Amino acid sequence: MTPIEVTAIFKMPGDKRLEHFLENVSKNKMAYGISDDEGWALLGDNDDTDIIPFFQSPELAEAFRKAAGFNDYEVEEIDWELLMEWLPELQEDGAMVAVCPNTHFEGPIEEPGRLLGALGG
């Protein structure tokens, strides 16, 4: 994915980024997150809910990682089996998923169970 394609995706409205995420993750059987030795990068909200960002490509995850200042983190693949196992666990824990947030931290926040259903899990 080129930098121009990354920018174009980040400029999409949140609902279109969600559609793009679902299509690509379903097709490629892979998602991407950002992690370090301590665990996954988390975003927060005013209610102290853990929000984990997921992306449909390593290039999108890397662009977000740099913009968010997660300097000690790396982009990590999340294969289909792990994703299908992990989403129900995140739902049980009360966490949410930021679907392909852009470099301004804008993007849809979804319940993990809803993503699981949309992905056919």
C-alpha atoms as a PDB file:
ATOM      1  CA  MET A   1       0.000   0.000   0.000  1.00  0.00           C
ATOM      2  CA  THR A   2       1.438   3.350  -1.009  1.00  0.00           C
ATOM      3  CA  PRO A   3       1.487   6.448   1.222  1.00  0.00           C
ATOM      4  CA  ILE A   4      -1.129   7.994  -1.093  1.00  0.00           C
ATOM      5  CA  GLU A   5      -3.418   4.979  -0.555  1.00  0.00           C
ATOM      6  CA  VAL A   6      -2.891   5.182   3.222  1.00  0.00           C
ATOM      7  CA  THR A   7      -3.840   8.865   3.197  1.00  0.00           C
ATOM      8  CA  ALA A   8      -6.896   8.176   1.039  1.00  0.00           C
ATOM      9  CA  ILE A   9      -8.137   5.496   3.446  1.00  0.00           C
ATOM     10  CA  PHE A  10      -7.549   7.705   6.495  1.00  0.00           C
ATOM     11  CA  LYS A  11      -9.593  10.459   4.797  1.00  0.00           C
ATOM     12  CA  MET A  12     -12.588   8.137   4.323  1.00  0.00           C
ATOM     13  CA  PRO A  13     -15.529   8.661   6.667  1.00  0.00           C
ATOM     14  CA  GLY A  14     -15.521   6.236   9.594  1.00  0.00           C
ATOM     15  CA  ASP A  15     -18.332   4.076   8.222  1.00  0.00           C
ATOM     16  CA  LYS A  16     -16.447   3.603   4.946  1.00  0.00           C
ATOM     17  CA  ARG A  17     -13.252   2.713   6.825  1.00  0.00           C
ATOM     18  CA  LEU A  18     -15.259   0.150   8.799  1.00  0.00           C
ATOM     19  CA  GLU A  19     -16.589  -1.381   5.545  1.00  0.00           C
ATOM     20  CA  HIS A  20     -13.068  -1.416   4.088  1.00  0.00           C
ATOM     21  CA  PHE A  21     -11.726  -3.064   7.257  1.00  0.00           C
ATOM     22  CA  LEU A  22     -14.392  -5.777   7.252  1.00  0.00           C
ATOM     23  CA  GLU A  23     -13.901  -6.534   3.543  1.00  0.00           C
ATOM     24  CA  ASN A  24     -10.112  -6.737   3.767  1.00  0.00           C
ATOM     25  CA  VAL A  25      -9.880  -8.672   7.019  1.00  0.00           C
ATOM     26  CA  SER A  26     -12.479 -11.175   5.785  1.00  0.00           C
ATOM     27  CA  LYS A  27     -10.633 -11.604   2.493  1.00  0.00           C
ATOM     28  CA  ASN A  28      -7.062 -11.685   3.818  1.00  0.00           C
ATOM     29  CA  LYS A  29      -7.854 -13.460   7.122  1.00  0.00           C
ATOM     30  CA  MET A  30      -5.505 -11.047   8.890  1.00  0.00           C
ATOM     31  CA  ALA A  31      -5.744  -7.891  10.992  1.00  0.00           C
ATOM     32  CA  TYR A  32      -3.001  -5.763  12.530  1.00  0.00           C
ATOM     33  CA  GLY A  33      -2.441  -4.146  15.888  1.00  0.00           C
ATOM     34  CA  ILE A  34       0.337  -2.302  17.687  1.00  0.00           C
ATOM     35  CA  SER A  35       2.190  -3.914  20.585  1.00  0.00           C
ATOM     36  CA  ASP A  36       5.297  -3.757  22.722  1.00  0.00           C
ATOM     37  CA  ASP A  37       6.856  -6.087  25.296  1.00  0.00           C
ATOM     38  CA  GLU A  38       4.120  -5.193  27.797  1.00  0.00           C
ATOM     39  CA  GLY A  39       1.138  -5.844  25.505  1.00  0.00           C
ATOM     40  CA  TRP A  40      -1.118  -4.150  23.003  1.00  0.00           C
ATOM     41  CA  ALA A  41      -1.390  -0.415  22.509  1.00  0.00           C
ATOM     42  CA  LEU A  42      -4.565   0.871  24.093  1.00  0.00           C
ATOM     43  CA  LEU A  43      -6.474   4.054  23.600  1.00  0.00           C
ATOM     44  CA  GLY A  44      -8.812   5.309  26.281  1.00  0.00           C
ATOM     45  CA  ASP A  45     -11.986   7.307  26.597  1.00  0.00           C
ATOM     46  CA  ASN A  46     -13.580   9.438  29.288  1.00  0.00           C
ATOM     47  CA  ASP A  47     -15.063   6.317  30.917  1.00  0.00           C
ATOM     48  CA  ASP A  48     -11.678   4.560  31.216  1.00  0.00           C
ATOM     49  CA  THR A  49     -12.778   1.940  28.693  1.00  0.00           C
ATOM     50  CA  ASP A  50      -9.876   0.140  27.037  1.00  0.00           C
ATOM     51  CA  ILE A  51      -9.979   0.667  23.288  1.00  0.00           C
ATOM     52  CA  ILE A  52      -7.643  -1.372  21.120  1.00  0.00           C
ATOM     53  CA  PRO A  53      -6.921  -0.145  17.589  1.00  0.00           C
ATOM     54  CA  PHE A  54      -7.115  -2.702  14.769  1.00  0.00           C
ATOM     55  CA  PHE A  55      -6.156  -2.143  11.154  1.00  0.00           C
ATOM     56  CA  GLN A  56      -6.580  -4.018   7.893  1.00  0.00           C
ATOM     57  CA  SER A  57      -3.018  -3.483   6.676  1.00  0.00           C
ATOM     58  CA  PRO A  58       0.429  -3.110   8.214  1.00  0.00           C
ATOM     59  CA  GLU A  59       0.909   0.199   6.399  1.00  0.00           C
ATOM     60  CA  LEU A  60      -2.165   1.733   8.051  1.00  0.00           C
ATOM     61  CA  ALA A  61      -1.065   0.426  11.445  1.00  0.00           C
ATOM     62  CA  GLU A  62       2.431   1.830  10.936  1.00  0.00           C
ATOM     63  CA  ALA A  63       1.150   5.268   9.900  1.00  0.00           C
ATOM     64  CA  PHE A  64      -1.056   5.371  12.989  1.00  0.00           C
ATOM     65  CA  ARG A  65       1.766   4.105  15.228  1.00  0.00           C
ATOM     66  CA  LYS A  66       4.042   6.936  14.102  1.00  0.00           C
ATOM     67  CA  ALA A  67       1.354   9.624  14.348  1.00  0.00           C
ATOM     68  CA  ALA A  68       0.252   8.424  17.801  1.00  0.00           C
ATOM     69  CA  GLY A  69       3.793   8.502  19.162  1.00  0.00           C
ATOM     70  CA  PHE A  70       3.890   4.802  19.986  1.00  0.00           C
ATOM     71  CA  ASN A  71       7.634   4.881  19.392  1.00  0.00           C
ATOM     72  CA  ASP A  72       8.497   1.751  21.367  1.00  0.00           C
ATOM     73  CA  TYR A  73       5.728  -0.289  19.746  1.00  0.00           C
ATOM     74  CA  GLU A  74       5.718  -2.431  16.628  1.00  0.00           C
ATOM     75  CA  VAL A  75       3.037  -3.438  14.175  1.00  0.00           C
ATOM     76  CA  GLU A  76       1.965  -7.010  14.793  1.00  0.00           C
ATOM     77  CA  GLU A  77      -0.123  -9.409  12.697  1.00  0.00           C
ATOM     78  CA  ILE A  78      -3.263 -10.873  14.219  1.00  0.00           C
ATOM     79  CA  ASP A  79      -4.170 -13.998  12.278  1.00  0.00           C
ATOM     80  CA  TRP A  80      -7.775 -15.031  11.701  1.00  0.00           C
ATOM     81  CA  GLU A  81      -7.900 -17.745  14.371  1.00  0.00           C
ATOM     82  CA  LEU A  82      -6.491 -15.459  17.051  1.00  0.00           C
ATOM     83  CA  LEU A  83      -8.839 -12.636  16.033  1.00  0.00           C
ATOM     84  CA  MET A  84     -11.895 -14.927  16.191  1.00  0.00           C
ATOM     85  CA  GLU A  85     -10.760 -16.166  19.609  1.00  0.00           C
ATOM     86  CA  TRP A  86      -9.826 -12.745  20.910  1.00  0.00           C
ATOM     87  CA  LEU A  87     -12.928 -10.713  19.981  1.00  0.00           C
ATOM     88  CA  PRO A  88     -15.247 -12.601  22.404  1.00  0.00           C
ATOM     89  CA  GLU A  89     -12.650 -12.201  25.161  1.00  0.00           C
ATOM     90  CA  LEU A  90     -12.455  -8.454  24.518  1.00  0.00           C
ATOM     91  CA  GLN A  91     -16.264  -8.297  24.620  1.00  0.00           C
ATOM     92  CA  GLU A  92     -16.315 -10.093  27.991  1.00  0.00           C
ATOM     93  CA  ASP A  93     -13.689  -7.692  29.329  1.00  0.00           C
ATOM     94  CA  GLY A  94     -15.768  -4.662  28.309  1.00  0.00           C
ATOM     95  CA  ALA A  95     -13.138  -3.437  25.874  1.00  0.00           C
ATOM     96  CA  MET A  96     -13.923  -1.762  22.570  1.00  0.00           C
ATOM     97  CA  VAL A  97     -12.198  -1.753  19.183  1.00  0.00           C
ATOM     98  CA  ALA A  98     -11.116   1.372  17.303  1.00  0.00           C
ATOM     99  CA  VAL A  99     -11.456   0.316  13.673  1.00  0.00           C
ATOM    100  CA  CYS A 100      -8.702   1.835  11.573  1.00  0.00           C
ATOM    101  CA  PRO A 101      -8.439   5.128  13.461  1.00  0.00           C
ATOM    102  CA  ASN A 102      -6.743   7.798  11.406  1.00  0.00           C
ATOM    103  CA  THR A 103      -3.777   9.905  12.448  1.00  0.00           C
ATOM    104  CA  HIS A 104      -6.162  12.311  14.219  1.00  0.00           C
ATOM    105  CA  PHE A 105      -7.506   9.429  16.365  1.00  0.00           C
ATOM    106  CA  GLU A 106     -10.828   9.565  14.507  1.00  0.00           C
ATOM    107  CA  GLY A 107     -12.646   6.399  13.558  1.00  0.00           C
ATOM    108  CA  PRO A 108     -15.479   4.110  14.494  1.00  0.00           C
ATOM    109  CA  ILE A 109     -15.429   2.533  17.938  1.00  0.00           C
ATOM    110  CA  GLU A 110     -17.131  -0.858  17.821  1.00  0.00           C
ATOM    111  CA  GLU A 111     -18.096  -3.561  20.270  1.00  0.00           C
ATOM    112  CA  PRO A 112     -15.909  -6.618  19.673  1.00  0.00           C
ATOM    113  CA  GLY A 113     -18.993  -8.848  19.466  1.00  0.00           C
ATOM    114  CA  ARG A 114     -20.413  -6.743  16.650  1.00  0.00           C
ATOM    115  CA  LEU A 115     -17.153  -7.064  14.713  1.00  0.00           C
ATOM    116  CA  LEU A 116     -17.133 -10.787  15.322  1.00  0.00           C
ATOM    117  CA  GLY A 117     -20.621 -11.079  13.866  1.00  0.00           C
ATOM    118  CA  ALA A 118     -19.786  -8.840  10.904  1.00  0.00           C
ATOM    119  CA  LEU A 119     -16.723 -10.958  10.181  1.00  0.00           C
ATOM    120  CA  GLY A 120     -18.787 -14.132  10.264  1.00  0.00           C
ATOM    121  CA  GLY A 121     -17.348 -15.479  13.494  1.00  0.00           C
END
